[in-house]
């Protein structure tokens, strides 16, 4: 396993969180939160952003009730005016650049949200890059060192 759970999740907590959000989470992501209330990656794991032609390390996936600095609610409250409706920041790279999950609509999927314009070419008009159609596809796309 390439990550450690910050805390074990439970179904009731995730269902309550969904009610607070006001929209349904994708089933695969919801199941992940039920099993793992946030995770830290223990090996160097990265994903590839095709549009940027870049590998990006992944550091953490946020949890519902875990550590405050990795709280989904806290992170999403900070960026609530910058992300689309019915979407959620679900994790980040080691520099704090978020991973975005759009939960509904024609653009649903997982995206890299370069909100700090770290990569050349990122701007106010283009700073969100598609990674996968589903959370499961995103997790399966991660490439991790074995050690």
N, C-alpha and C. Protein backbone atom coordinates (compact mmCIF):
# COMPACT_ATOMS: atom_id res chain seq x y z
N UNK A 1 0.84 -1.17 0.00
CA UNK A 1 0.00 0.00 0.00
C UNK A 1 0.89 1.24 0.00
N UNK A 2 0.54 2.24 -0.78
CA UNK A 2 1.37 3.43 -0.94
C UNK A 2 0.91 4.61 -0.09
N UNK A 3 -0.07 4.40 0.76
CA UNK A 3 -0.54 5.47 1.63
C UNK A 3 -0.93 4.90 2.97
N UNK A 4 -0.96 5.82 3.97
CA UNK A 4 -1.42 5.48 5.31
C UNK A 4 -2.68 6.28 5.60
N UNK A 5 -3.67 5.62 6.16
CA UNK A 5 -4.88 6.34 6.55
C UNK A 5 -4.55 7.29 7.69
N UNK A 6 -5.06 8.50 7.60
CA UNK A 6 -4.92 9.45 8.70
C UNK A 6 -5.84 9.01 9.83
N UNK A 7 -6.99 8.52 9.44
CA UNK A 7 -7.99 8.04 10.39
C UNK A 7 -8.95 7.13 9.62
N UNK A 8 -9.53 6.16 10.28
CA UNK A 8 -10.55 5.33 9.62
C UNK A 8 -11.83 6.13 9.50
N UNK A 9 -12.51 5.96 8.39
CA UNK A 9 -13.77 6.64 8.18
C UNK A 9 -14.94 5.79 8.62
N UNK A 10 -16.14 6.35 8.48
CA UNK A 10 -17.35 5.56 8.73
C UNK A 10 -18.48 6.14 7.88
N UNK A 11 -19.44 5.29 7.58
CA UNK A 11 -20.51 5.66 6.66
C UNK A 11 -21.37 6.81 7.17
N UNK A 12 -21.71 6.79 8.45
CA UNK A 12 -22.59 7.84 8.99
C UNK A 12 -21.95 9.22 8.88
N UNK A 13 -20.66 9.31 9.15
CA UNK A 13 -19.95 10.58 9.06
C UNK A 13 -19.92 11.09 7.63
N UNK A 14 -19.66 10.20 6.69
CA UNK A 14 -19.61 10.58 5.28
C UNK A 14 -20.99 11.00 4.79
N UNK A 15 -22.02 10.30 5.21
CA UNK A 15 -23.39 10.67 4.82
C UNK A 15 -23.76 12.05 5.38
N UNK A 16 -23.38 12.32 6.60
CA UNK A 16 -23.63 13.64 7.20
C UNK A 16 -22.87 14.72 6.43
N UNK A 17 -21.65 14.42 6.05
CA UNK A 17 -20.86 15.37 5.28
C UNK A 17 -21.52 15.66 3.93
N UNK A 18 -22.04 14.63 3.28
CA UNK A 18 -22.76 14.82 2.02
C UNK A 18 -23.97 15.75 2.20
N UNK A 19 -24.69 15.57 3.29
CA UNK A 19 -25.84 16.44 3.58
C UNK A 19 -25.39 17.89 3.72
N UNK A 20 -24.28 18.11 4.41
CA UNK A 20 -23.75 19.46 4.58
C UNK A 20 -23.35 20.06 3.24
N UNK A 21 -22.79 19.25 2.36
CA UNK A 21 -22.38 19.73 1.04
C UNK A 21 -23.58 20.13 0.19
N UNK A 22 -24.66 19.35 0.30
CA UNK A 22 -25.84 19.60 -0.51
C UNK A 22 -25.81 18.94 -1.87
N UNK A 23 -24.89 18.02 -2.08
CA UNK A 23 -24.83 17.23 -3.31
C UNK A 23 -24.20 15.88 -3.01
N UNK A 24 -24.46 14.92 -3.89
CA UNK A 24 -23.96 13.56 -3.70
C UNK A 24 -22.52 13.44 -4.17
N UNK A 25 -21.73 12.72 -3.41
CA UNK A 25 -20.37 12.38 -3.81
C UNK A 25 -20.42 11.17 -4.75
N UNK A 26 -19.49 11.08 -5.69
CA UNK A 26 -19.42 9.87 -6.51
C UNK A 26 -19.21 8.65 -5.60
N UNK A 27 -19.84 7.54 -5.96
CA UNK A 27 -19.79 6.34 -5.10
C UNK A 27 -18.38 5.88 -4.80
N UNK A 28 -17.49 5.90 -5.79
CA UNK A 28 -16.13 5.41 -5.55
C UNK A 28 -15.39 6.30 -4.55
N UNK A 29 -15.60 7.60 -4.65
CA UNK A 29 -14.95 8.51 -3.70
C UNK A 29 -15.58 8.39 -2.32
N UNK A 30 -16.89 8.28 -2.27
CA UNK A 30 -17.58 8.10 -1.00
C UNK A 30 -17.08 6.84 -0.29
N UNK A 31 -16.97 5.74 -1.02
CA UNK A 31 -16.45 4.49 -0.43
C UNK A 31 -15.03 4.66 0.08
N UNK A 32 -14.22 5.42 -0.65
CA UNK A 32 -12.85 5.69 -0.21
C UNK A 32 -12.87 6.42 1.13
N UNK A 33 -13.72 7.45 1.27
CA UNK A 33 -13.80 8.19 2.53
C UNK A 33 -14.32 7.33 3.68
N UNK A 34 -15.20 6.41 3.38
CA UNK A 34 -15.70 5.51 4.42
C UNK A 34 -14.57 4.63 4.94
N UNK A 35 -13.70 4.20 4.05
CA UNK A 35 -12.56 3.36 4.44
C UNK A 35 -11.41 4.17 5.04
N UNK A 36 -11.17 5.34 4.48
CA UNK A 36 -10.00 6.16 4.86
C UNK A 36 -10.43 7.60 5.02
N UNK A 37 -10.43 8.08 6.23
CA UNK A 37 -10.79 9.48 6.47
C UNK A 37 -9.54 10.33 6.30
N UNK A 38 -9.06 10.38 5.07
CA UNK A 38 -7.83 11.07 4.72
C UNK A 38 -6.66 10.12 4.68
N UNK A 39 -5.73 10.38 3.76
CA UNK A 39 -4.53 9.54 3.64
C UNK A 39 -3.31 10.41 3.34
N UNK A 40 -2.18 9.93 3.83
CA UNK A 40 -0.87 10.52 3.49
C UNK A 40 -0.12 9.47 2.67
N UNK A 41 0.50 9.91 1.61
CA UNK A 41 1.27 8.99 0.77
C UNK A 41 2.64 8.78 1.38
N UNK A 42 3.03 7.50 1.54
CA UNK A 42 4.28 7.17 2.22
C UNK A 42 5.43 6.96 1.25
N UNK A 43 5.13 6.64 0.02
CA UNK A 43 6.14 6.53 -1.02
C UNK A 43 5.96 7.71 -1.96
N UNK A 44 6.98 8.01 -2.71
CA UNK A 44 6.83 9.06 -3.72
C UNK A 44 5.86 8.58 -4.77
N UNK A 45 4.71 9.21 -4.82
CA UNK A 45 3.68 8.88 -5.81
C UNK A 45 3.41 10.12 -6.63
N UNK A 46 3.18 9.91 -7.90
CA UNK A 46 2.87 11.06 -8.75
C UNK A 46 1.78 10.69 -9.75
N UNK A 47 1.21 11.73 -10.32
CA UNK A 47 0.29 11.60 -11.43
C UNK A 47 0.84 12.45 -12.56
N UNK A 48 0.36 12.20 -13.75
CA UNK A 48 0.85 12.91 -14.92
C UNK A 48 -0.25 13.83 -15.43
N UNK A 49 0.10 15.10 -15.64
CA UNK A 49 -0.84 16.07 -16.17
C UNK A 49 -0.53 16.23 -17.66
N UNK A 50 -1.35 15.59 -18.49
CA UNK A 50 -1.10 15.58 -19.93
C UNK A 50 -0.97 16.98 -20.52
N UNK A 51 -1.90 17.87 -20.17
CA UNK A 51 -1.88 19.21 -20.76
C UNK A 51 -0.64 20.01 -20.39
N UNK A 52 -0.04 19.70 -19.26
CA UNK A 52 1.18 20.38 -18.82
C UNK A 52 2.44 19.61 -19.19
N UNK A 53 2.25 18.34 -19.59
CA UNK A 53 3.38 17.44 -19.86
C UNK A 53 4.31 17.40 -18.65
N UNK A 54 3.69 17.21 -17.46
CA UNK A 54 4.41 17.23 -16.19
C UNK A 54 3.97 16.12 -15.26
N UNK A 55 4.94 15.58 -14.52
CA UNK A 55 4.64 14.72 -13.39
C UNK A 55 4.44 15.62 -12.18
N UNK A 56 3.46 15.27 -11.35
CA UNK A 56 3.20 16.04 -10.13
C UNK A 56 3.10 15.05 -8.97
N UNK A 57 3.86 15.29 -7.91
CA UNK A 57 3.77 14.44 -6.73
C UNK A 57 2.45 14.67 -6.02
N UNK A 58 1.94 13.60 -5.42
CA UNK A 58 0.76 13.72 -4.57
C UNK A 58 1.21 13.52 -3.13
N UNK A 59 0.69 14.34 -2.23
CA UNK A 59 1.09 14.29 -0.84
C UNK A 59 0.01 13.72 0.06
N UNK A 60 -1.23 14.21 -0.12
CA UNK A 60 -2.30 13.84 0.81
C UNK A 60 -3.65 13.90 0.10
N UNK A 61 -4.57 13.06 0.56
CA UNK A 61 -5.99 13.18 0.22
C UNK A 61 -6.69 13.52 1.52
N UNK A 62 -7.48 14.58 1.51
CA UNK A 62 -8.10 15.10 2.72
C UNK A 62 -9.14 14.14 3.29
N UNK A 63 -9.45 14.37 4.57
CA UNK A 63 -10.46 13.59 5.25
C UNK A 63 -11.57 14.48 5.80
N UNK A 64 -12.63 13.84 6.23
CA UNK A 64 -13.79 14.55 6.76
C UNK A 64 -13.55 14.99 8.21
N UNK A 65 -12.99 14.10 9.03
CA UNK A 65 -12.82 14.42 10.45
C UNK A 65 -11.39 14.32 10.93
N UNK A 66 -10.45 14.09 10.03
CA UNK A 66 -9.04 13.90 10.41
C UNK A 66 -8.38 15.19 10.85
N UNK A 67 -7.06 15.24 10.73
CA UNK A 67 -6.27 16.39 11.15
C UNK A 67 -6.80 17.67 10.54
N UNK A 68 -6.80 18.73 11.32
CA UNK A 68 -7.36 20.01 10.87
C UNK A 68 -6.71 20.49 9.57
N UNK A 69 -5.39 20.35 9.46
CA UNK A 69 -4.73 20.85 8.26
C UNK A 69 -5.07 20.04 7.01
N UNK A 70 -5.66 18.86 7.19
CA UNK A 70 -6.07 18.03 6.06
C UNK A 70 -7.59 17.86 6.02
N UNK A 71 -8.30 18.82 6.55
CA UNK A 71 -9.76 18.76 6.61
C UNK A 71 -10.38 19.20 5.29
N UNK A 72 -11.21 18.34 4.72
CA UNK A 72 -11.92 18.67 3.48
C UNK A 72 -12.73 19.96 3.65
N UNK A 73 -13.47 20.07 4.72
CA UNK A 73 -14.33 21.24 4.93
C UNK A 73 -13.48 22.51 5.01
N UNK A 74 -12.40 22.47 5.75
CA UNK A 74 -11.54 23.65 5.91
C UNK A 74 -10.94 24.07 4.57
N UNK A 75 -10.38 23.12 3.84
CA UNK A 75 -9.76 23.43 2.55
C UNK A 75 -10.79 23.98 1.56
N UNK A 76 -11.96 23.40 1.54
CA UNK A 76 -12.98 23.85 0.60
C UNK A 76 -13.58 25.18 1.00
N UNK A 77 -13.61 25.48 2.27
CA UNK A 77 -14.09 26.79 2.71
C UNK A 77 -13.14 27.89 2.23
N UNK A 78 -11.85 27.62 2.27
CA UNK A 78 -10.84 28.59 1.82
C UNK A 78 -11.03 28.93 0.34
N UNK A 79 -11.33 27.91 -0.48
CA UNK A 79 -11.38 28.08 -1.93
C UNK A 79 -12.80 28.10 -2.49
N UNK A 80 -13.81 28.24 -1.66
CA UNK A 80 -15.19 28.08 -2.11
C UNK A 80 -15.58 29.00 -3.26
N UNK A 81 -14.99 30.16 -3.35
CA UNK A 81 -15.33 31.08 -4.43
C UNK A 81 -14.54 30.81 -5.72
N UNK A 82 -13.59 29.89 -5.66
CA UNK A 82 -12.74 29.62 -6.81
C UNK A 82 -13.06 28.30 -7.52
N UNK A 83 -13.89 27.47 -6.91
CA UNK A 83 -14.15 26.16 -7.51
C UNK A 83 -15.59 26.09 -8.00
N UNK A 84 -15.84 25.24 -9.00
CA UNK A 84 -17.20 25.12 -9.54
C UNK A 84 -18.20 24.58 -8.52
N UNK A 85 -19.46 24.87 -8.76
CA UNK A 85 -20.55 24.32 -7.95
C UNK A 85 -20.49 22.80 -8.02
N UNK A 86 -20.87 22.15 -6.93
CA UNK A 86 -20.89 20.68 -6.82
C UNK A 86 -19.53 20.06 -7.10
N UNK A 87 -18.51 20.73 -6.58
CA UNK A 87 -17.16 20.18 -6.67
C UNK A 87 -16.48 20.30 -5.32
N UNK A 88 -15.34 19.65 -5.20
CA UNK A 88 -14.69 19.50 -3.91
C UNK A 88 -13.19 19.37 -4.11
N UNK A 89 -12.41 20.09 -3.31
CA UNK A 89 -10.97 19.86 -3.29
C UNK A 89 -10.75 18.63 -2.42
N UNK A 90 -10.02 17.65 -2.97
CA UNK A 90 -9.91 16.37 -2.27
C UNK A 90 -8.49 16.04 -1.81
N UNK A 91 -7.50 16.80 -2.24
CA UNK A 91 -6.13 16.50 -1.86
C UNK A 91 -5.20 17.57 -2.39
N UNK A 92 -3.88 17.31 -2.24
CA UNK A 92 -2.91 18.30 -2.70
C UNK A 92 -1.55 17.68 -2.95
N UNK A 93 -0.74 18.43 -3.69
CA UNK A 93 0.65 18.04 -3.90
C UNK A 93 1.46 18.57 -2.72
N UNK A 94 2.77 18.26 -2.63
CA UNK A 94 3.56 18.71 -1.47
C UNK A 94 3.63 20.23 -1.32
N UNK A 95 3.39 20.98 -2.39
CA UNK A 95 3.40 22.43 -2.31
C UNK A 95 2.05 23.03 -1.97
N UNK A 96 1.04 22.20 -1.78
CA UNK A 96 -0.29 22.66 -1.42
C UNK A 96 -1.21 22.93 -2.59
N UNK A 97 -0.79 22.60 -3.81
CA UNK A 97 -1.65 22.80 -4.97
C UNK A 97 -2.73 21.72 -4.96
N UNK A 98 -4.01 22.13 -5.03
CA UNK A 98 -5.11 21.19 -4.83
C UNK A 98 -5.43 20.27 -6.01
N UNK A 99 -6.06 19.17 -5.65
CA UNK A 99 -6.68 18.24 -6.60
C UNK A 99 -8.18 18.43 -6.44
N UNK A 100 -8.86 18.62 -7.55
CA UNK A 100 -10.28 18.98 -7.57
C UNK A 100 -11.10 17.81 -8.10
N UNK A 101 -12.21 17.52 -7.43
CA UNK A 101 -13.16 16.52 -7.89
C UNK A 101 -14.46 17.25 -8.24
N UNK A 102 -14.81 17.24 -9.53
CA UNK A 102 -16.09 17.79 -9.96
C UNK A 102 -17.07 16.63 -9.95
N UNK A 103 -18.11 16.75 -9.12
CA UNK A 103 -18.97 15.62 -8.81
C UNK A 103 -20.16 15.46 -9.75
N UNK A 104 -20.54 16.50 -10.46
CA UNK A 104 -21.73 16.42 -11.30
C UNK A 104 -21.52 17.20 -12.59
N UNK A 105 -22.29 16.83 -13.61
CA UNK A 105 -22.27 17.58 -14.86
C UNK A 105 -21.36 16.98 -15.91
N UNK A 106 -21.31 17.64 -17.05
CA UNK A 106 -20.55 17.11 -18.18
C UNK A 106 -19.05 17.13 -17.95
N UNK A 107 -18.56 17.96 -17.04
CA UNK A 107 -17.14 18.02 -16.74
C UNK A 107 -16.75 17.24 -15.50
N UNK A 108 -17.63 16.35 -15.03
CA UNK A 108 -17.30 15.60 -13.81
C UNK A 108 -16.01 14.82 -14.01
N UNK A 109 -15.24 14.74 -12.94
CA UNK A 109 -13.96 14.03 -12.98
C UNK A 109 -12.98 14.63 -11.99
N UNK A 110 -11.72 14.22 -12.12
CA UNK A 110 -10.66 14.67 -11.23
C UNK A 110 -9.73 15.59 -12.02
N UNK A 111 -9.35 16.70 -11.39
CA UNK A 111 -8.55 17.73 -12.05
C UNK A 111 -7.43 18.21 -11.13
N UNK A 112 -6.36 18.68 -11.73
CA UNK A 112 -5.29 19.36 -11.02
C UNK A 112 -5.60 20.86 -11.11
N UNK A 113 -5.67 21.53 -9.97
CA UNK A 113 -6.09 22.93 -9.90
C UNK A 113 -4.88 23.80 -9.55
N UNK A 114 -4.18 24.28 -10.57
CA UNK A 114 -2.96 25.07 -10.39
C UNK A 114 -3.32 26.50 -10.03
N UNK A 115 -3.89 26.67 -8.86
CA UNK A 115 -4.40 27.97 -8.42
C UNK A 115 -3.30 29.00 -8.15
N UNK A 116 -2.06 28.55 -7.97
CA UNK A 116 -0.94 29.46 -7.74
C UNK A 116 -0.15 29.73 -9.02
N UNK A 117 -0.63 29.19 -10.15
CA UNK A 117 0.02 29.40 -11.45
C UNK A 117 1.49 28.99 -11.42
N UNK A 118 1.77 27.86 -10.78
CA UNK A 118 3.13 27.37 -10.67
C UNK A 118 3.68 26.99 -12.04
N UNK A 119 2.84 26.36 -12.86
CA UNK A 119 3.31 25.89 -14.16
C UNK A 119 3.14 26.97 -15.23
N UNK A 120 4.15 27.06 -16.09
CA UNK A 120 4.08 27.99 -17.21
C UNK A 120 2.85 27.66 -18.04
N UNK A 121 2.13 28.65 -18.41
CA UNK A 121 0.91 28.43 -19.18
C UNK A 121 -0.35 28.51 -18.33
N UNK A 122 -0.21 28.38 -17.01
CA UNK A 122 -1.38 28.53 -16.14
C UNK A 122 -1.69 30.02 -16.00
N UNK A 123 -2.98 30.33 -16.00
CA UNK A 123 -3.42 31.72 -15.90
C UNK A 123 -4.83 31.73 -15.30
N UNK A 124 -5.40 32.92 -15.16
CA UNK A 124 -6.78 33.01 -14.68
C UNK A 124 -7.74 32.27 -15.60
N UNK A 125 -7.44 32.26 -16.88
CA UNK A 125 -8.30 31.60 -17.86
C UNK A 125 -8.09 30.09 -17.93
N UNK A 126 -6.87 29.63 -17.62
CA UNK A 126 -6.57 28.19 -17.72
C UNK A 126 -5.65 27.78 -16.58
N UNK A 127 -6.26 27.18 -15.54
CA UNK A 127 -5.45 26.67 -14.44
C UNK A 127 -5.99 25.36 -13.87
N UNK A 128 -6.91 24.75 -14.58
CA UNK A 128 -7.52 23.50 -14.14
C UNK A 128 -7.33 22.47 -15.24
N UNK A 129 -6.70 21.34 -14.89
CA UNK A 129 -6.27 20.36 -15.88
C UNK A 129 -6.85 18.98 -15.57
N UNK A 130 -7.48 18.38 -16.56
CA UNK A 130 -8.12 17.07 -16.42
C UNK A 130 -7.08 16.00 -16.09
N UNK A 131 -7.44 15.12 -15.14
CA UNK A 131 -6.60 13.98 -14.78
C UNK A 131 -7.29 12.64 -15.05
N UNK A 132 -8.58 12.52 -14.72
CA UNK A 132 -9.29 11.25 -14.86
C UNK A 132 -10.79 11.50 -14.83
N UNK A 133 -11.53 10.58 -15.42
CA UNK A 133 -12.99 10.69 -15.42
C UNK A 133 -13.61 10.34 -14.07
N UNK A 134 -12.93 9.48 -13.30
CA UNK A 134 -13.46 9.06 -12.00
C UNK A 134 -12.34 9.04 -10.96
N UNK A 135 -12.73 9.02 -9.69
CA UNK A 135 -11.76 8.93 -8.61
C UNK A 135 -10.98 7.62 -8.71
N UNK A 136 -11.65 6.53 -9.02
CA UNK A 136 -10.98 5.24 -9.15
C UNK A 136 -9.93 5.28 -10.25
N UNK A 137 -10.27 5.86 -11.39
CA UNK A 137 -9.29 5.99 -12.48
C UNK A 137 -8.10 6.83 -12.03
N UNK A 138 -8.36 7.89 -11.29
CA UNK A 138 -7.27 8.72 -10.78
C UNK A 138 -6.36 7.89 -9.88
N UNK A 139 -6.93 7.19 -8.91
CA UNK A 139 -6.11 6.38 -8.01
C UNK A 139 -5.32 5.32 -8.75
N UNK A 140 -5.94 4.71 -9.76
CA UNK A 140 -5.25 3.68 -10.55
C UNK A 140 -4.15 4.28 -11.42
N UNK A 141 -4.21 5.58 -11.69
CA UNK A 141 -3.21 6.22 -12.54
C UNK A 141 -1.95 6.62 -11.76
N UNK A 142 -2.01 6.61 -10.43
CA UNK A 142 -0.86 7.01 -9.63
C UNK A 142 0.30 6.06 -9.84
N UNK A 143 1.48 6.62 -9.97
CA UNK A 143 2.70 5.83 -10.12
C UNK A 143 3.52 6.08 -8.86
N UNK A 144 3.85 4.98 -8.17
CA UNK A 144 4.52 5.11 -6.88
C UNK A 144 5.81 4.32 -6.85
N UNK A 145 6.82 4.87 -6.15
CA UNK A 145 8.04 4.13 -5.91
C UNK A 145 7.72 2.96 -5.01
N UNK A 146 8.48 1.91 -5.13
CA UNK A 146 8.24 0.71 -4.33
C UNK A 146 8.82 0.83 -2.93
N UNK A 147 9.80 1.69 -2.75
CA UNK A 147 10.46 1.81 -1.44
C UNK A 147 9.91 2.96 -0.64
